[in-house]
Amino acid sequence: NPARKGKTPQNGAHGPQDAGQEVGQAGQTQEAEQDDSTAFRPVSLEHLGNVVVDPPSFLIQTILPRGCVSLLGAHGESGKSFLGLVIAAHVACGKNWGGLNVNPGRALFLSMEDDAGILQHRLQNIATEYGLDYGALKRNLTVVDASDVPPLAQECTVDGGRTLKITPAGHRFIAMAKGYDLVLIDNASDAFAGNEIARDQVRAFIKQLGKVAKENKGALLLLVHVNREAVKNGAGGQSYSGSTGWHNSARSRLALVIQGESVSLVHEKSNYGPRLEQPIPIMRSATGVPYP
């Protein structure tokens, strides 16, 4: 099913572009009318110069800010899902990784790609390779097999135009994600059944995920597939596919970059501070576990 992987027709296949824009504008107007009291929130400048403002906080130093969405893009088979599980396990155990400080917290790993058997096998190997505390993993890490779950958001027709809606599965996910310091979704191809080149749909999806992160005061990491050429030698830092909305809406963006036979974790975007100065070379153990 192409919609299951978010493979939707290109712009022209859905009808005139102007029609889609009109629907988007109408939807925004309707939303403003329904929630006029919170649509615009003036920022008080009364105590400017005297107010103490907390700087952005990070769950993982430099690369994973709290309260917003970050992306991890990679070509298939580069170890993206495995690395995501490594990150979630280290947050659950509060163990530093790759020379970066990792703050301890509760982590939710939502796997919409791999089933329970694969997840258990990988996590067992991760715990063994890194020497992680099983007790901490059991207390602080929740791993969910959502490989048979429908997308969290999907494209639909409203008044003849195309727009995005949160599905019942998406609403269940939002409720389930409450209280976690890290929410990791593997991956966008399965969670987002919209048009990846439609900026309004992409931004709506990322904004909804951003609300989850903000309410939890935690980090949300979305794994995204990109083609091999997009991450080969960094591709000029453009390791994402589809609309620029993916890049613009995420506050931090990471990529597993292929350089010959080696793979590195590269920090390609950071809105809340300097980017990681040097890529982190990634090796694979005999059991496939990625490590710096």
C-alpha atoms as a PDB file:
ATOM      1  CA  ASN A   1       0.000   0.000   0.000  1.00  0.00           C
ATOM      2  CA  PRO A   2       1.797   3.199  -1.142  1.00  0.00           C
ATOM      3  CA  ALA A   3      -0.057   5.295   1.464  1.00  0.00           C
ATOM      4  CA  ARG A   4       1.363   3.051   4.208  1.00  0.00           C
ATOM      5  CA  LYS A   5       4.832   4.318   3.314  1.00  0.00           C
ATOM      6  CA  GLY A   6       3.736   7.884   2.688  1.00  0.00           C
ATOM      7  CA  LYS A   7       4.208   7.499  -1.074  1.00  0.00           C
ATOM      8  CA  THR A   8       1.617   9.865  -2.455  1.00  0.00           C
ATOM      9  CA  PRO A   9       1.304  11.318  -5.952  1.00  0.00           C
ATOM     10  CA  GLN A  10       3.142  14.506  -6.809  1.00  0.00           C
ATOM     11  CA  ASN A  11       1.499  17.930  -6.689  1.00  0.00           C
ATOM     12  CA  GLY A  12      -0.184  17.796 -10.079  1.00  0.00           C
ATOM     13  CA  ALA A  13      -1.857  14.455  -9.332  1.00  0.00           C
ATOM     14  CA  HIS A  14      -4.016  15.955  -6.608  1.00  0.00           C
ATOM     15  CA  GLY A  15      -5.561  18.723  -8.670  1.00  0.00           C
ATOM     16  CA  PRO A  16      -4.762  22.412  -9.160  1.00  0.00           C
ATOM     17  CA  GLN A  17      -2.183  23.776  -6.746  1.00  0.00           C
ATOM     18  CA  ASP A  18      -4.295  26.856  -6.075  1.00  0.00           C
ATOM     19  CA  ALA A  19      -7.126  24.672  -4.795  1.00  0.00           C
ATOM     20  CA  GLY A  20      -4.831  23.154  -2.183  1.00  0.00           C
ATOM     21  CA  GLN A  21      -3.677  26.613  -1.129  1.00  0.00           C
ATOM     22  CA  GLU A  22      -7.263  27.814  -0.775  1.00  0.00           C
ATOM     23  CA  VAL A  23      -8.092  24.849   1.436  1.00  0.00           C
ATOM     24  CA  GLY A  24      -5.036  25.539   3.586  1.00  0.00           C
ATOM     25  CA  GLN A  25      -5.992  29.189   4.014  1.00  0.00           C
ATOM     26  CA  ALA A  26      -9.567  28.290   4.831  1.00  0.00           C
ATOM     27  CA  GLY A  27      -8.413  25.753   7.386  1.00  0.00           C
ATOM     28  CA  GLN A  28      -6.192  28.342   9.053  1.00  0.00           C
ATOM     29  CA  THR A  29      -9.072  30.837   9.216  1.00  0.00           C
ATOM     30  CA  GLN A  30     -11.381  28.243  10.701  1.00  0.00           C
ATOM     31  CA  GLU A  31      -8.763  27.274  13.282  1.00  0.00           C
ATOM     32  CA  ALA A  32      -8.277  30.922  14.256  1.00  0.00           C
ATOM     33  CA  GLU A  33     -12.020  31.397  14.676  1.00  0.00           C
ATOM     34  CA  GLN A  34     -12.274  28.312  16.857  1.00  0.00           C
ATOM     35  CA  ASP A  35      -9.319  29.187  19.058  1.00  0.00           C
ATOM     36  CA  ASP A  36      -9.076  32.957  18.781  1.00  0.00           C
ATOM     37  CA  SER A  37      -8.046  33.487  22.418  1.00  0.00           C
ATOM     38  CA  THR A  38      -4.786  31.541  21.985  1.00  0.00           C
ATOM     39  CA  ALA A  39      -4.036  32.080  18.306  1.00  0.00           C
ATOM     40  CA  PHE A  40      -1.780  35.091  19.031  1.00  0.00           C
ATOM     41  CA  ARG A  41       0.116  35.505  22.309  1.00  0.00           C
ATOM     42  CA  PRO A  42       1.909  38.835  22.766  1.00  0.00           C
ATOM     43  CA  VAL A  43       5.278  38.545  24.508  1.00  0.00           C
ATOM     44  CA  SER A  44       5.648  40.952  27.404  1.00  0.00           C
ATOM     45  CA  LEU A  45       8.647  43.276  27.127  1.00  0.00           C
ATOM     46  CA  GLU A  46       7.864  45.152  30.338  1.00  0.00           C
ATOM     47  CA  HIS A  47      10.828  43.763  32.249  1.00  0.00           C
ATOM     48  CA  LEU A  48      13.198  43.500  29.292  1.00  0.00           C
ATOM     49  CA  GLY A  49      16.770  43.803  30.531  1.00  0.00           C
ATOM     50  CA  ASN A  50      15.918  42.591  34.026  1.00  0.00           C
ATOM     51  CA  VAL A  51      14.241  39.273  33.341  1.00  0.00           C
ATOM     52  CA  VAL A  52      16.208  36.047  33.773  1.00  0.00           C
ATOM     53  CA  VAL A  53      15.661  33.820  30.769  1.00  0.00           C
ATOM     54  CA  ASP A  54      16.671  30.177  30.942  1.00  0.00           C
ATOM     55  CA  PRO A  55      18.790  29.104  27.966  1.00  0.00           C
ATOM     56  CA  PRO A  56      17.598  26.192  25.800  1.00  0.00           C
ATOM     57  CA  SER A  57      18.097  22.884  27.550  1.00  0.00           C
ATOM     58  CA  PHE A  58      19.302  19.662  25.972  1.00  0.00           C
ATOM     59  CA  LEU A  59      18.545  16.039  26.688  1.00  0.00           C
ATOM     60  CA  ILE A  60      21.762  15.123  24.887  1.00  0.00           C
ATOM     61  CA  GLN A  61      24.433  17.797  24.796  1.00  0.00           C
ATOM     62  CA  THR A  62      24.375  19.952  21.653  1.00  0.00           C
ATOM     63  CA  ILE A  63      22.429  17.577  19.414  1.00  0.00           C
ATOM     64  CA  LEU A  64      19.068  16.885  21.094  1.00  0.00           C
ATOM     65  CA  PRO A  65      17.224  19.934  22.479  1.00  0.00           C
ATOM     66  CA  ARG A  66      14.168  19.655  24.710  1.00  0.00           C
ATOM     67  CA  GLY A  67      10.741  20.965  23.806  1.00  0.00           C
ATOM     68  CA  CYS A  68      11.000  20.504  20.047  1.00  0.00           C
ATOM     69  CA  VAL A  69      11.420  18.070  17.171  1.00  0.00           C
ATOM     70  CA  SER A  70      14.793  16.868  15.881  1.00  0.00           C
ATOM     71  CA  LEU A  71      15.397  14.732  12.792  1.00  0.00           C
ATOM     72  CA  LEU A  72      17.803  11.884  12.149  1.00  0.00           C
ATOM     73  CA  GLY A  73      18.065  11.166   8.438  1.00  0.00           C
ATOM     74  CA  ALA A  74      19.801   8.235   6.812  1.00  0.00           C
ATOM     75  CA  HIS A  75      19.754   5.872   3.880  1.00  0.00           C
ATOM     76  CA  GLY A  76      18.206   2.453   4.497  1.00  0.00           C
ATOM     77  CA  GLU A  77      20.547  -0.164   5.986  1.00  0.00           C
ATOM     78  CA  SER A  78      22.865   2.501   7.405  1.00  0.00           C
ATOM     79  CA  GLY A  79      21.864   1.575  10.966  1.00  0.00           C
ATOM     80  CA  LYS A  80      19.485   4.444  11.670  1.00  0.00           C
ATOM     81  CA  SER A  81      16.904   2.408  13.597  1.00  0.00           C
ATOM     82  CA  PHE A  82      19.632   0.598  15.538  1.00  0.00           C
ATOM     83  CA  LEU A  83      21.277   3.925  16.440  1.00  0.00           C
ATOM     84  CA  GLY A  84      17.919   5.343  17.520  1.00  0.00           C
ATOM     85  CA  LEU A  85      17.490   2.455  19.940  1.00  0.00           C
ATOM     86  CA  VAL A  86      21.046   3.019  21.221  1.00  0.00           C
ATOM     87  CA  ILE A  87      20.185   6.669  21.919  1.00  0.00           C
ATOM     88  CA  ALA A  88      16.947   5.754  23.716  1.00  0.00           C
ATOM     89  CA  ALA A  89      18.758   3.151  25.841  1.00  0.00           C
ATOM     90  CA  HIS A  90      21.453   5.637  26.867  1.00  0.00           C
ATOM     91  CA  VAL A  91      18.857   8.210  27.915  1.00  0.00           C
ATOM     92  CA  ALA A  92      17.075   5.523  29.962  1.00  0.00           C
ATOM     93  CA  CYS A  93      20.354   4.670  31.707  1.00  0.00           C
ATOM     94  CA  GLY A  94      21.699   8.231  31.874  1.00  0.00           C
ATOM     95  CA  LYS A  95      24.954   7.085  30.286  1.00  0.00           C
ATOM     96  CA  ASN A  96      27.049   9.427  28.156  1.00  0.00           C
ATOM     97  CA  TRP A  97      27.516   8.546  24.499  1.00  0.00           C
ATOM     98  CA  GLY A  98      29.996   9.635  21.848  1.00  0.00           C
ATOM     99  CA  GLY A  99      31.681  12.095  24.180  1.00  0.00           C
ATOM    100  CA  LEU A 100      28.370  13.895  24.756  1.00  0.00           C
ATOM    101  CA  ASN A 101      26.614  14.386  28.090  1.00  0.00           C
ATOM    102  CA  VAL A 102      23.352  12.459  28.245  1.00  0.00           C
ATOM    103  CA  ASN A 103      20.778  13.478  30.833  1.00  0.00           C
ATOM    104  CA  PRO A 104      18.814  10.564  32.325  1.00  0.00           C
ATOM    105  CA  GLY A 105      15.118  10.321  31.639  1.00  0.00           C
ATOM    106  CA  ARG A 106      12.203   8.183  30.562  1.00  0.00           C
ATOM    107  CA  ALA A 107      12.349   7.161  26.918  1.00  0.00           C
ATOM    108  CA  LEU A 108       9.657   5.921  24.548  1.00  0.00           C
ATOM    109  CA  PHE A 109      10.763   4.149  21.370  1.00  0.00           C
ATOM    110  CA  LEU A 110       7.869   3.801  18.914  1.00  0.00           C
ATOM    111  CA  SER A 111       8.823   1.318  16.201  1.00  0.00           C
ATOM    112  CA  MET A 112       6.529   1.500  13.192  1.00  0.00           C
ATOM    113  CA  GLU A 113       8.992  -0.515  11.123  1.00  0.00           C
ATOM    114  CA  ASP A 114      10.417  -3.428  13.149  1.00  0.00           C
ATOM    115  CA  ASP A 115       8.471  -5.932  15.232  1.00  0.00           C
ATOM    116  CA  ALA A 116       8.978  -7.059  18.828  1.00  0.00           C
ATOM    117  CA  GLY A 117      11.398  -9.898  18.050  1.00  0.00           C
ATOM    118  CA  ILE A 118      13.834  -7.630  16.204  1.00  0.00           C
ATOM    119  CA  LEU A 119      13.587  -4.949  18.900  1.00  0.00           C
ATOM    120  CA  GLN A 120      14.281  -7.413  21.730  1.00  0.00           C
ATOM    121  CA  HIS A 121      17.229  -8.912  19.869  1.00  0.00           C
ATOM    122  CA  ARG A 122      18.768  -5.510  19.175  1.00  0.00           C
ATOM    123  CA  LEU A 123      18.230  -4.197  22.690  1.00  0.00           C
ATOM    124  CA  GLN A 124      19.812  -7.317  24.187  1.00  0.00           C
ATOM    125  CA  ASN A 125      22.900  -6.771  22.036  1.00  0.00           C
ATOM    126  CA  ILE A 126      22.979  -3.043  22.846  1.00  0.00           C
ATOM    127  CA  ALA A 127      22.869  -3.720  26.585  1.00  0.00           C
ATOM    128  CA  THR A 128      25.645  -6.303  26.272  1.00  0.00           C
ATOM    129  CA  GLU A 129      27.936  -4.232  24.020  1.00  0.00           C
ATOM    130  CA  TYR A 130      27.604  -1.046  26.080  1.00  0.00           C
ATOM    131  CA  GLY A 131      27.349  -2.690  29.502  1.00  0.00           C
ATOM    132  CA  LEU A 132      24.021  -0.995  30.260  1.00  0.00           C
ATOM    133  CA  ASP A 133      22.073  -1.573  33.465  1.00  0.00           C
ATOM    134  CA  TYR A 134      19.133  -3.918  32.810  1.00  0.00           C
ATOM    135  CA  GLY A 135      17.246  -2.525  35.792  1.00  0.00           C
ATOM    136  CA  ALA A 136      17.449   1.035  34.450  1.00  0.00           C
ATOM    137  CA  LEU A 137      16.340  -0.130  31.012  1.00  0.00           C
ATOM    138  CA  LYS A 138      13.306  -1.919  32.436  1.00  0.00           C
ATOM    139  CA  ARG A 139      12.350   1.084  34.580  1.00  0.00           C
ATOM    140  CA  ASN A 140      12.928   3.913  32.134  1.00  0.00           C
ATOM    141  CA  LEU A 141      12.614   2.551  28.605  1.00  0.00           C
ATOM    142  CA  THR A 142       9.324   1.736  26.899  1.00  0.00           C
ATOM    143  CA  VAL A 143       9.617   0.010  23.533  1.00  0.00           C
ATOM    144  CA  VAL A 144       6.433  -0.271  21.481  1.00  0.00           C
ATOM    145  CA  ASP A 145       5.895  -2.566  18.513  1.00  0.00           C
ATOM    146  CA  ALA A 146       3.741  -0.438  16.209  1.00  0.00           C
ATOM    147  CA  SER A 147       4.736  -2.243  13.007  1.00  0.00           C
ATOM    148  CA  ASP A 148       1.079  -3.026  12.250  1.00  0.00           C
ATOM    149  CA  VAL A 149      -0.296   0.347  13.353  1.00  0.00           C
ATOM    150  CA  PRO A 150      -1.749   2.728  10.714  1.00  0.00           C
ATOM    151  CA  PRO A 151      -0.009   6.077  10.096  1.00  0.00           C
ATOM    152  CA  LEU A 152      -0.232   8.782  12.761  1.00  0.00           C
ATOM    153  CA  ALA A 153      -1.273  11.351  10.164  1.00  0.00           C
ATOM    154  CA  GLN A 154      -2.609  10.998   6.652  1.00  0.00           C
ATOM    155  CA  GLU A 155      -3.644  13.047   3.665  1.00  0.00           C
ATOM    156  CA  CYS A 156      -7.360  13.518   3.100  1.00  0.00           C
ATOM    157  CA  THR A 157      -9.727  15.493   0.866  1.00  0.00           C
ATOM    158  CA  VAL A 158     -11.581  18.502   2.236  1.00  0.00           C
ATOM    159  CA  ASP A 159     -13.829  20.507  -0.084  1.00  0.00           C
ATOM    160  CA  GLY A 160     -11.985  19.109  -3.082  1.00  0.00           C
ATOM    161  CA  GLY A 161      -8.508  19.968  -1.784  1.00  0.00           C
ATOM    162  CA  ARG A 162      -5.836  17.925  -0.055  1.00  0.00           C
ATOM    163  CA  THR A 163      -4.917  18.440   3.585  1.00  0.00           C
ATOM    164  CA  LEU A 164      -3.502  16.484   6.534  1.00  0.00           C
ATOM    165  CA  LYS A 165      -5.376  15.021   9.473  1.00  0.00           C
ATOM    166  CA  ILE A 166      -4.289  13.235  12.633  1.00  0.00           C
ATOM    167  CA  THR A 167      -5.588   9.678  12.596  1.00  0.00           C
ATOM    168  CA  PRO A 168      -7.086   7.761  15.552  1.00  0.00           C
ATOM    169  CA  ALA A 169      -3.697   6.032  15.847  1.00  0.00           C
ATOM    170  CA  GLY A 170      -2.098   9.467  16.016  1.00  0.00           C
ATOM    171  CA  HIS A 171      -4.365  10.538  18.860  1.00  0.00           C
ATOM    172  CA  ARG A 172      -3.563   7.328  20.749  1.00  0.00           C
ATOM    173  CA  PHE A 173       0.140   8.014  20.271  1.00  0.00           C
ATOM    174  CA  ILE A 174      -0.224  11.575  21.631  1.00  0.00           C
ATOM    175  CA  ALA A 175      -1.893  10.224  24.772  1.00  0.00           C
ATOM    176  CA  MET A 176       0.699   7.455  25.153  1.00  0.00           C
ATOM    177  CA  ALA A 177       3.655   9.858  24.796  1.00  0.00           C
ATOM    178  CA  LYS A 178       2.825  11.927  27.872  1.00  0.00           C
ATOM    179  CA  GLY A 179       5.473  12.071  30.566  1.00  0.00           C
ATOM    180  CA  TYR A 180       8.489  10.954  28.528  1.00  0.00           C
ATOM    181  CA  ASP A 181      11.752  12.902  28.351  1.00  0.00           C
ATOM    182  CA  LEU A 182      12.518  11.343  24.976  1.00  0.00           C
ATOM    183  CA  VAL A 183      10.022  10.214  22.367  1.00  0.00           C
ATOM    184  CA  LEU A 184      11.590   8.541  19.341  1.00  0.00           C
ATOM    185  CA  ILE A 185       9.543   7.628  16.266  1.00  0.00           C
ATOM    186  CA  ASP A 186      10.896   5.110  13.776  1.00  0.00           C
ATOM    187  CA  ASN A 187      10.104   6.341  11.192  1.00  0.00           C
ATOM    188  CA  ALA A 188       8.485   9.162   9.192  1.00  0.00           C
ATOM    189  CA  SER A 189       7.740   6.942   6.185  1.00  0.00           C
ATOM    190  CA  ASP A 190       5.351   4.893   8.328  1.00  0.00           C
ATOM    191  CA  ALA A 191       4.076   7.654  10.628  1.00  0.00           C
ATOM    192  CA  PHE A 192       3.361  10.247   7.923  1.00  0.00           C
ATOM    193  CA  ALA A 193       1.030   9.203   5.093  1.00  0.00           C
ATOM    194  CA  GLY A 194       0.836  12.672   3.608  1.00  0.00           C
ATOM    195  CA  ASN A 195       2.485  14.384   0.690  1.00  0.00           C
ATOM    196  CA  GLU A 196       6.126  14.862   1.702  1.00  0.00           C
ATOM    197  CA  ILE A 197       6.610  17.666  -0.831  1.00  0.00           C
ATOM    198  CA  ALA A 198       3.559  19.628   0.380  1.00  0.00           C
ATOM    199  CA  ARG A 199       5.028  22.161   2.812  1.00  0.00           C
ATOM    200  CA  ASP A 200       1.754  22.825   4.643  1.00  0.00           C
ATOM    201  CA  GLN A 201       1.245  19.109   5.373  1.00  0.00           C
ATOM    202  CA  VAL A 202       4.830  18.593   6.503  1.00  0.00           C
ATOM    203  CA  ARG A 203       4.771  21.622   8.791  1.00  0.00           C
ATOM    204  CA  ALA A 204       1.416  20.575  10.259  1.00  0.00           C
ATOM    205  CA  PHE A 205       2.831  17.147  11.081  1.00  0.00           C
ATOM    206  CA  ILE A 206       6.029  18.489  12.656  1.00  0.00           C
ATOM    207  CA  LYS A 207       4.071  21.101  14.618  1.00  0.00           C
ATOM    208  CA  GLN A 208       1.835  18.394  16.062  1.00  0.00           C
ATOM    209  CA  LEU A 209       4.880  16.405  17.124  1.00  0.00           C
ATOM    210  CA  GLY A 210       6.376  19.607  18.518  1.00  0.00           C
ATOM    211  CA  LYS A 211       3.364  20.014  20.786  1.00  0.00           C
ATOM    212  CA  VAL A 212       4.079  16.573  22.238  1.00  0.00           C
ATOM    213  CA  ALA A 213       7.694  17.547  22.955  1.00  0.00           C
ATOM    214  CA  LYS A 214       6.728  20.918  24.414  1.00  0.00           C
ATOM    215  CA  GLU A 215       4.063  19.486  26.723  1.00  0.00           C
ATOM    216  CA  ASN A 216       6.560  16.911  28.015  1.00  0.00           C
ATOM    217  CA  LYS A 217       9.419  19.429  28.156  1.00  0.00           C
ATOM    218  CA  GLY A 218      11.296  16.643  26.450  1.00  0.00           C
ATOM    219  CA  ALA A 219      12.923  15.851  23.127  1.00  0.00           C
ATOM    220  CA  LEU A 220      11.223  14.235  20.162  1.00  0.00           C
ATOM    221  CA  LEU A 221      13.454  12.525  17.608  1.00  0.00           C
ATOM    222  CA  LEU A 222      11.918  11.536  14.278  1.00  0.00           C
ATOM    223  CA  LEU A 223      13.849   9.131  12.066  1.00  0.00           C
ATOM    224  CA  VAL A 224      13.542   9.827   8.344  1.00  0.00           C
ATOM    225  CA  HIS A 225      14.498   7.831   5.258  1.00  0.00           C
ATOM    226  CA  VAL A 226      16.418   9.552   2.489  1.00  0.00           C
ATOM    227  CA  ASN A 227      17.884   8.133  -0.685  1.00  0.00           C
ATOM    228  CA  ARG A 228      21.489   7.015  -0.778  1.00  0.00           C
ATOM    229  CA  GLU A 229      22.729   9.913  -2.909  1.00  0.00           C
ATOM    230  CA  ALA A 230      21.215  12.434  -0.490  1.00  0.00           C
ATOM    231  CA  VAL A 231      23.554  11.356   2.293  1.00  0.00           C
ATOM    232  CA  LYS A 232      26.571  10.380   0.215  1.00  0.00           C
ATOM    233  CA  ASN A 233      29.465  12.591   1.292  1.00  0.00           C
ATOM    234  CA  GLY A 234      26.993  14.833   3.093  1.00  0.00           C
ATOM    235  CA  ALA A 235      25.353  16.058  -0.129  1.00  0.00           C
ATOM    236  CA  GLY A 236      26.071  19.590   1.005  1.00  0.00           C
ATOM    237  CA  GLY A 237      24.161  19.146   4.239  1.00  0.00           C
ATOM    238  CA  GLN A 238      20.850  18.436   2.474  1.00  0.00           C
ATOM    239  CA  SER A 239      20.228  14.933   3.812  1.00  0.00           C
ATOM    240  CA  TYR A 240      16.452  15.065   3.786  1.00  0.00           C
ATOM    241  CA  SER A 241      13.905  14.443   1.047  1.00  0.00           C
ATOM    242  CA  GLY A 242      10.705  16.187   0.085  1.00  0.00           C
ATOM    243  CA  SER A 243       9.644  19.672   1.101  1.00  0.00           C
ATOM    244  CA  THR A 244      12.064  22.042   2.805  1.00  0.00           C
ATOM    245  CA  GLY A 245       9.426  22.032   5.542  1.00  0.00           C
ATOM    246  CA  TRP A 246      11.204  19.004   7.035  1.00  0.00           C
ATOM    247  CA  HIS A 247      14.403  21.022   7.394  1.00  0.00           C
ATOM    248  CA  ASN A 248      12.772  24.312   8.386  1.00  0.00           C
ATOM    249  CA  SER A 249      10.423  22.888  11.012  1.00  0.00           C
ATOM    250  CA  ALA A 250      12.978  20.747  12.860  1.00  0.00           C
ATOM    251  CA  ARG A 251      15.136  22.596  15.394  1.00  0.00           C
ATOM    252  CA  SER A 252      18.034  20.143  15.185  1.00  0.00           C
ATOM    253  CA  ARG A 253      18.909  17.807  12.342  1.00  0.00           C
ATOM    254  CA  LEU A 254      21.299  14.868  12.320  1.00  0.00           C
ATOM    255  CA  ALA A 255      22.397  12.622   9.477  1.00  0.00           C
ATOM    256  CA  LEU A 256      24.233   9.357   9.082  1.00  0.00           C
ATOM    257  CA  VAL A 257      26.536  10.329   6.232  1.00  0.00           C
ATOM    258  CA  ILE A 258      28.154   7.723   3.992  1.00  0.00           C
ATOM    259  CA  GLN A 259      31.741   8.427   2.984  1.00  0.00           C
ATOM    260  CA  GLY A 260      33.180   5.521   1.040  1.00  0.00           C
ATOM    261  CA  GLU A 261      32.957   2.528   3.342  1.00  0.00           C
ATOM    262  CA  SER A 262      32.585   4.582   6.530  1.00  0.00           C
ATOM    263  CA  VAL A 263      29.568   6.202   8.180  1.00  0.00           C
ATOM    264  CA  SER A 264      29.551   9.286  10.407  1.00  0.00           C
ATOM    265  CA  LEU A 265      26.904  11.019  12.496  1.00  0.00           C
ATOM    266  CA  VAL A 266      26.872  14.634  11.317  1.00  0.00           C
ATOM    267  CA  HIS A 267      25.070  17.536  12.998  1.00  0.00           C
ATOM    268  CA  GLU A 268      23.684  19.486  10.041  1.00  0.00           C
ATOM    269  CA  LYS A 269      21.384  22.004  11.733  1.00  0.00           C
ATOM    270  CA  SER A 270      20.988  23.585  15.160  1.00  0.00           C
ATOM    271  CA  ASN A 271      18.657  26.447  16.041  1.00  0.00           C
ATOM    272  CA  TYR A 272      19.479  26.475  19.745  1.00  0.00           C
ATOM    273  CA  GLY A 273      23.236  26.667  19.754  1.00  0.00           C
ATOM    274  CA  PRO A 274      26.361  25.813  17.780  1.00  0.00           C
ATOM    275  CA  ARG A 275      26.404  22.620  15.810  1.00  0.00           C
ATOM    276  CA  LEU A 276      28.577  19.722  16.855  1.00  0.00           C
ATOM    277  CA  GLU A 277      32.005  20.692  15.603  1.00  0.00           C
ATOM    278  CA  GLN A 278      33.187  17.296  14.411  1.00  0.00           C
ATOM    279  CA  PRO A 279      31.242  14.342  12.975  1.00  0.00           C
ATOM    280  CA  ILE A 280      31.121  11.229  15.135  1.00  0.00           C
ATOM    281  CA  PRO A 281      32.489   8.218  13.207  1.00  0.00           C
ATOM    282  CA  ILE A 282      30.192   5.212  13.624  1.00  0.00           C
ATOM    283  CA  MET A 283      31.457   1.638  13.724  1.00  0.00           C
ATOM    284  CA  ARG A 284      29.454  -1.583  13.897  1.00  0.00           C
ATOM    285  CA  SER A 285      30.135  -4.480  16.264  1.00  0.00           C
ATOM    286  CA  ALA A 286      29.995  -8.113  15.224  1.00  0.00           C
ATOM    287  CA  THR A 287      26.328  -8.150  16.326  1.00  0.00           C
ATOM    288  CA  GLY A 288      25.546  -5.024  14.312  1.00  0.00           C
ATOM    289  CA  VAL A 289      25.421  -2.597  17.234  1.00  0.00           C
ATOM    290  CA  PRO A 290      26.518   0.916  16.181  1.00  0.00           C
ATOM    291  CA  TYR A 291      29.017   2.627  18.442  1.00  0.00           C
ATOM    292  CA  PRO A 292      31.204   5.767  18.274  1.00  0.00           C
END
